């Protein structure tokens, strides 16, 4: 994905485009899962919080 495509993509996320948000989450799922472990145990609440934070912060990203 080029810089221009990513900018358009983030603009769609900021406009609450559901498919774009789903794609964003799927792009970062491996990283989110990696950081969703505490003491070698998967923490579902932490995973949810990380997804929520990803979406919230992407809406603050100043591209559009």
PDB file of N, CA and C in Angstrom:
ATOM      1  N   UNK A   1       0.856  -1.169   0.000  1.00  0.00           N
ATOM      2  CA  UNK A   1       0.000   0.000   0.000  1.00  0.00           C
ATOM      3  C   UNK A   1       0.903   1.234   0.000  1.00  0.00           C
ATOM      4  N   UNK A   2       0.695   2.099  -0.951  1.00  0.00           N
ATOM      5  CA  UNK A   2       1.509   3.304  -1.040  1.00  0.00           C
ATOM      6  C   UNK A   2       1.041   4.351  -0.024  1.00  0.00           C
ATOM      7  N   UNK A   3       1.816   5.402   0.110  1.00  0.00           N
ATOM      8  CA  UNK A   3       1.477   6.462   1.061  1.00  0.00           C
ATOM      9  C   UNK A   3       0.146   7.121   0.722  1.00  0.00           C
ATOM     10  N   UNK A   4      -0.091   7.332  -0.559  1.00  0.00           N
ATOM     11  CA  UNK A   4      -1.337   7.979  -0.989  1.00  0.00           C
ATOM     12  C   UNK A   4      -2.525   7.064  -0.699  1.00  0.00           C
ATOM     13  N   UNK A   5      -2.379   5.786  -0.988  1.00  0.00           N
ATOM     14  CA  UNK A   5      -3.450   4.833  -0.699  1.00  0.00           C
ATOM     15  C   UNK A   5      -3.725   4.765   0.798  1.00  0.00           C
ATOM     16  N   UNK A   6      -2.659   4.773   1.592  1.00  0.00           N
ATOM     17  CA  UNK A   6      -2.832   4.711   3.035  1.00  0.00           C
ATOM     18  C   UNK A   6      -3.537   5.963   3.554  1.00  0.00           C
ATOM     19  N   UNK A   7      -3.223   7.102   3.000  1.00  0.00           N
ATOM     20  CA  UNK A   7      -3.881   8.351   3.395  1.00  0.00           C
ATOM     21  C   UNK A   7      -5.387   8.289   3.108  1.00  0.00           C
ATOM     22  N   UNK A   8      -5.729   7.816   1.927  1.00  0.00           N
ATOM     23  CA  UNK A   8      -7.146   7.665   1.581  1.00  0.00           C
ATOM     24  C   UNK A   8      -7.829   6.649   2.489  1.00  0.00           C
ATOM     25  N   UNK A   9      -7.114   5.598   2.777  1.00  0.00           N
ATOM     26  CA  UNK A   9      -7.623   4.555   3.647  1.00  0.00           C
ATOM     27  C   UNK A   9      -7.927   5.113   5.051  1.00  0.00           C
ATOM     28  N   UNK A  10      -7.003   5.867   5.602  1.00  0.00           N
ATOM     29  CA  UNK A  10      -7.208   6.460   6.929  1.00  0.00           C
ATOM     30  C   UNK A  10      -8.349   7.469   6.892  1.00  0.00           C
ATOM     31  N   UNK A  11      -8.481   8.200   5.816  1.00  0.00           N
ATOM     32  CA  UNK A  11      -9.608   9.138   5.682  1.00  0.00           C
ATOM     33  C   UNK A  11     -10.939   8.390   5.748  1.00  0.00           C
ATOM     34  N   UNK A  12     -10.994   7.233   5.137  1.00  0.00           N
ATOM     35  CA  UNK A  12     -12.220   6.429   5.194  1.00  0.00           C
ATOM     36  C   UNK A  12     -12.485   5.936   6.614  1.00  0.00           C
ATOM     37  N   UNK A  13     -11.439   5.578   7.314  1.00  0.00           N
ATOM     38  CA  UNK A  13     -11.597   5.163   8.710  1.00  0.00           C
ATOM     39  C   UNK A  13     -12.140   6.324   9.537  1.00  0.00           C
ATOM     40  N   UNK A  14     -11.609   7.518   9.290  1.00  0.00           N
ATOM     41  CA  UNK A  14     -12.071   8.698  10.025  1.00  0.00           C
ATOM     42  C   UNK A  14     -13.531   9.019   9.741  1.00  0.00           C
ATOM     43  N   UNK A  15     -14.014   8.598   8.555  1.00  0.00           N
ATOM     44  CA  UNK A  15     -15.418   8.819   8.187  1.00  0.00           C
ATOM     45  C   UNK A  15     -16.326   7.679   8.659  1.00  0.00           C
ATOM     46  N   UNK A  16     -15.772   6.808   9.508  1.00  0.00           N
ATOM     47  CA  UNK A  16     -16.506   5.674  10.081  1.00  0.00           C
ATOM     48  C   UNK A  16     -16.951   4.656   9.035  1.00  0.00           C
ATOM     49  N   UNK A  17     -16.129   4.460   8.030  1.00  0.00           N
ATOM     50  CA  UNK A  17     -16.401   3.441   7.028  1.00  0.00           C
ATOM     51  C   UNK A  17     -16.070   2.068   7.634  1.00  0.00           C
ATOM     52  N   UNK A  18     -17.102   1.282   7.871  1.00  0.00           N
ATOM     53  CA  UNK A  18     -16.955   0.014   8.572  1.00  0.00           C
ATOM     54  C   UNK A  18     -15.986  -0.960   7.885  1.00  0.00           C
ATOM     55  N   UNK A  19     -16.082  -1.169   6.573  1.00  0.00           N
ATOM     56  CA  UNK A  19     -15.113  -2.079   5.935  1.00  0.00           C
ATOM     57  C   UNK A  19     -13.658  -1.614   6.088  1.00  0.00           C
ATOM     58  N   UNK A  20     -13.452  -0.319   6.075  1.00  0.00           N
ATOM     59  CA  UNK A  20     -12.090   0.201   6.251  1.00  0.00           C
ATOM     60  C   UNK A  20     -11.594  -0.035   7.667  1.00  0.00           C
ATOM     61  N   UNK A  21     -12.466   0.136   8.636  1.00  0.00           N
ATOM     62  CA  UNK A  21     -12.076  -0.134  10.024  1.00  0.00           C
ATOM     63  C   UNK A  21     -11.739  -1.613  10.222  1.00  0.00           C
ATOM     64  N   UNK A  22     -12.549  -2.472   9.621  1.00  0.00           N
ATOM     65  CA  UNK A  22     -12.283  -3.911   9.717  1.00  0.00           C
ATOM     66  C   UNK A  22     -10.943  -4.260   9.074  1.00  0.00           C
ATOM     67  N   UNK A  23     -10.660  -3.636   7.956  1.00  0.00           N
ATOM     68  CA  UNK A  23      -9.386  -3.888   7.277  1.00  0.00           C
ATOM     69  C   UNK A  23      -8.216  -3.380   8.119  1.00  0.00           C
ATOM     70  N   UNK A  24      -8.380  -2.233   8.734  1.00  0.00           N
ATOM     71  CA  UNK A  24      -7.342  -1.692   9.603  1.00  0.00           C
ATOM     72  C   UNK A  24      -7.042  -2.661  10.742  1.00  0.00           C
ATOM     73  N   UNK A  25      -8.085  -3.131  11.375  1.00  0.00           N
ATOM     74  CA  UNK A  25      -7.906  -4.067  12.492  1.00  0.00           C
ATOM     75  C   UNK A  25      -7.246  -5.352  11.997  1.00  0.00           C
ATOM     76  N   UNK A  26      -7.675  -5.848  10.861  1.00  0.00           N
ATOM     77  CA  UNK A  26      -7.081  -7.087  10.354  1.00  0.00           C
ATOM     78  C   UNK A  26      -5.608  -6.898   9.989  1.00  0.00           C
ATOM     79  N   UNK A  27      -5.244  -5.715   9.520  1.00  0.00           N
ATOM     80  CA  UNK A  27      -3.845  -5.438   9.201  1.00  0.00           C
ATOM     81  C   UNK A  27      -2.968  -5.493  10.448  1.00  0.00           C
ATOM     82  N   UNK A  28      -3.514  -5.043  11.567  1.00  0.00           N
ATOM     83  CA  UNK A  28      -2.738  -4.962  12.793  1.00  0.00           C
ATOM     84  C   UNK A  28      -3.014  -6.099  13.771  1.00  0.00           C
ATOM     85  N   UNK A  29      -3.835  -7.053  13.393  1.00  0.00           N
ATOM     86  CA  UNK A  29      -4.184  -8.155  14.292  1.00  0.00           C
ATOM     87  C   UNK A  29      -2.966  -8.918  14.817  1.00  0.00           C
ATOM     88  N   UNK A  30      -1.992  -9.271  13.987  1.00  0.00           N
ATOM     89  CA  UNK A  30      -0.836  -9.986  14.545  1.00  0.00           C
ATOM     90  C   UNK A  30      -0.107  -9.191  15.638  1.00  0.00           C
ATOM     91  N   UNK A  31       0.049  -7.910  15.422  1.00  0.00           N
ATOM     92  CA  UNK A  31       0.715  -7.067  16.414  1.00  0.00           C
ATOM     93  C   UNK A  31      -0.138  -6.924  17.675  1.00  0.00           C
ATOM     94  N   UNK A  32      -1.428  -6.756  17.487  1.00  0.00           N
ATOM     95  CA  UNK A  32      -2.343  -6.635  18.634  1.00  0.00           C
ATOM     96  C   UNK A  32      -2.305  -7.912  19.463  1.00  0.00           C
ATOM     97  N   UNK A  33      -2.353  -9.055  18.795  1.00  0.00           N
ATOM     98  CA  UNK A  33      -2.309 -10.329  19.527  1.00  0.00           C
ATOM     99  C   UNK A  33      -0.993 -10.494  20.269  1.00  0.00           C
ATOM    100  N   UNK A  34       0.083 -10.065  19.646  1.00  0.00           N
ATOM    101  CA  UNK A  34       1.396 -10.178  20.280  1.00  0.00           C
ATOM    102  C   UNK A  34       1.423  -9.440  21.623  1.00  0.00           C
ATOM    103  N   UNK A  35       0.797  -8.282  21.677  1.00  0.00           N
ATOM    104  CA  UNK A  35       0.821  -7.478  22.893  1.00  0.00           C
ATOM    105  C   UNK A  35      -0.400  -7.694  23.786  1.00  0.00           C
ATOM    106  N   UNK A  36      -1.177  -8.726  23.508  1.00  0.00           N
ATOM    107  CA  UNK A  36      -2.361  -9.026  24.313  1.00  0.00           C
ATOM    108  C   UNK A  36      -2.100 -10.113  25.346  1.00  0.00           C
ATOM    109  N   UNK A  37      -0.851 -10.408  25.591  1.00  0.00           N
ATOM    110  CA  UNK A  37      -0.494 -11.431  26.568  1.00  0.00           C
ATOM    111  C   UNK A  37       0.083 -10.788  27.815  1.00  0.00           C
ATOM    112  N   UNK A  38      -0.364 -11.291  28.965  1.00  0.00           N
ATOM    113  CA  UNK A  38       0.174 -10.880  30.251  1.00  0.00           C
ATOM    114  C   UNK A  38       0.553 -12.163  30.984  1.00  0.00           C
ATOM    115  N   UNK A  39       1.797 -12.259  31.404  1.00  0.00           N
ATOM    116  CA  UNK A  39       2.294 -13.467  32.088  1.00  0.00           C
ATOM    117  C   UNK A  39       2.006 -14.726  31.271  1.00  0.00           C
ATOM    118  N   UNK A  40       2.273 -14.654  29.992  1.00  0.00           N
ATOM    119  CA  UNK A  40       2.100 -15.769  29.054  1.00  0.00           C
ATOM    120  C   UNK A  40       0.659 -16.237  28.892  1.00  0.00           C
ATOM    121  N   UNK A  41      -0.287 -15.393  29.252  1.00  0.00           N
ATOM    122  CA  UNK A  41      -1.702 -15.736  29.091  1.00  0.00           C
ATOM    123  C   UNK A  41      -2.389 -14.657  28.274  1.00  0.00           C
ATOM    124  N   UNK A  42      -3.194 -15.101  27.321  1.00  0.00           N
ATOM    125  CA  UNK A  42      -3.921 -14.165  26.475  1.00  0.00           C
ATOM    126  C   UNK A  42      -4.984 -13.457  27.301  1.00  0.00           C
ATOM    127  N   UNK A  43      -5.009 -12.126  27.198  1.00  0.00           N
ATOM    128  CA  UNK A  43      -5.965 -11.317  27.950  1.00  0.00           C
ATOM    129  C   UNK A  43      -6.960 -10.696  26.961  1.00  0.00           C
ATOM    130  N   UNK A  44      -8.188 -11.180  26.977  1.00  0.00           N
ATOM    131  CA  UNK A  44      -9.218 -10.726  26.043  1.00  0.00           C
ATOM    132  C   UNK A  44      -9.541  -9.238  26.238  1.00  0.00           C
ATOM    133  N   UNK A  45      -9.566  -8.790  27.482  1.00  0.00           N
ATOM    134  CA  UNK A  45      -9.840  -7.371  27.744  1.00  0.00           C
ATOM    135  C   UNK A  45      -8.749  -6.475  27.165  1.00  0.00           C
ATOM    136  N   UNK A  46      -7.527  -6.886  27.332  1.00  0.00           N
ATOM    137  CA  UNK A  46      -6.414  -6.122  26.782  1.00  0.00           C
ATOM    138  C   UNK A  46      -6.487  -6.108  25.260  1.00  0.00           C
ATOM    139  N   UNK A  47      -6.808  -7.240  24.672  1.00  0.00           N
ATOM    140  CA  UNK A  47      -6.958  -7.315  23.216  1.00  0.00           C
ATOM    141  C   UNK A  47      -8.032  -6.332  22.739  1.00  0.00           C
ATOM    142  N   UNK A  48      -9.159  -6.316  23.394  1.00  0.00           N
ATOM    143  CA  UNK A  48     -10.243  -5.402  23.022  1.00  0.00           C
ATOM    144  C   UNK A  48      -9.822  -3.945  23.184  1.00  0.00           C
ATOM    145  N   UNK A  49      -9.114  -3.676  24.251  1.00  0.00           N
ATOM    146  CA  UNK A  49      -8.651  -2.309  24.500  1.00  0.00           C
ATOM    147  C   UNK A  49      -7.660  -1.859  23.425  1.00  0.00           C
ATOM    148  N   UNK A  50      -6.806  -2.747  23.003  1.00  0.00           N
ATOM    149  CA  UNK A  50      -5.848  -2.403  21.951  1.00  0.00           C
ATOM    150  C   UNK A  50      -6.540  -2.143  20.617  1.00  0.00           C
ATOM    151  N   UNK A  51      -7.549  -2.921  20.290  1.00  0.00           N
ATOM    152  CA  UNK A  51      -8.314  -2.684  19.057  1.00  0.00           C
ATOM    153  C   UNK A  51      -9.017  -1.335  19.139  1.00  0.00           C
ATOM    154  N   UNK A  52      -9.648  -1.081  20.273  1.00  0.00           N
ATOM    155  CA  UNK A  52     -10.343   0.193  20.471  1.00  0.00           C
ATOM    156  C   UNK A  52      -9.368   1.368  20.348  1.00  0.00           C
ATOM    157  N   UNK A  53      -8.206   1.237  20.947  1.00  0.00           N
ATOM    158  CA  UNK A  53      -7.211   2.300  20.909  1.00  0.00           C
ATOM    159  C   UNK A  53      -6.695   2.520  19.485  1.00  0.00           C
ATOM    160  N   UNK A  54      -6.498   1.444  18.747  1.00  0.00           N
ATOM    161  CA  UNK A  54      -6.065   1.563  17.358  1.00  0.00           C
ATOM    162  C   UNK A  54      -7.066   2.380  16.543  1.00  0.00           C
ATOM    163  N   UNK A  55      -8.330   2.066  16.672  1.00  0.00           N
ATOM    164  CA  UNK A  55      -9.367   2.787  15.918  1.00  0.00           C
ATOM    165  C   UNK A  55      -9.456   4.237  16.375  1.00  0.00           C
ATOM    166  N   UNK A  56      -9.454   4.435  17.680  1.00  0.00           N
ATOM    167  CA  UNK A  56      -9.552   5.797  18.221  1.00  0.00           C
ATOM    168  C   UNK A  56      -8.372   6.663  17.771  1.00  0.00           C
ATOM    169  N   UNK A  57      -7.172   6.123  17.837  1.00  0.00           N
ATOM    170  CA  UNK A  57      -5.996   6.896  17.451  1.00  0.00           C
ATOM    171  C   UNK A  57      -5.921   7.121  15.943  1.00  0.00           C
ATOM    172  N   UNK A  58      -6.410   6.176  15.177  1.00  0.00           N
ATOM    173  CA  UNK A  58      -6.393   6.368  13.714  1.00  0.00           C
ATOM    174  C   UNK A  58      -7.325   7.506  13.315  1.00  0.00           C
ATOM    175  N   UNK A  59      -8.374   7.717  14.094  1.00  0.00           N
ATOM    176  CA  UNK A  59      -9.288   8.827  13.800  1.00  0.00           C
ATOM    177  C   UNK A  59      -8.654  10.178  14.148  1.00  0.00           C
ATOM    178  N   UNK A  60      -7.673  10.168  15.013  1.00  0.00           N
ATOM    179  CA  UNK A  60      -6.972  11.405  15.364  1.00  0.00           C
ATOM    180  C   UNK A  60      -5.830  11.727  14.409  1.00  0.00           C
ATOM    181  N   UNK A  61      -5.456  10.749  13.607  1.00  0.00           N
ATOM    182  CA  UNK A  61      -4.358  10.916  12.664  1.00  0.00           C
ATOM    183  C   UNK A  61      -4.705  12.001  11.662  1.00  0.00           C
ATOM    184  N   UNK A  62      -3.859  13.011  11.544  1.00  0.00           N
ATOM    185  CA  UNK A  62      -4.165  14.178  10.727  1.00  0.00           C
ATOM    186  C   UNK A  62      -3.642  14.001   9.305  1.00  0.00           C
ATOM    187  N   UNK A  63      -4.483  13.450   8.437  1.00  0.00           N
ATOM    188  CA  UNK A  63      -4.106  13.219   7.043  1.00  0.00           C
ATOM    189  C   UNK A  63      -5.067  13.911   6.103  1.00  0.00           C
ATOM    190  N   UNK A  64      -6.328  13.872   6.414  1.00  0.00           N
ATOM    191  CA  UNK A  64      -7.369  14.387   5.519  1.00  0.00           C
ATOM    192  C   UNK A  64      -7.453  15.900   5.547  1.00  0.00           C
TER     193      UNK A  64
END
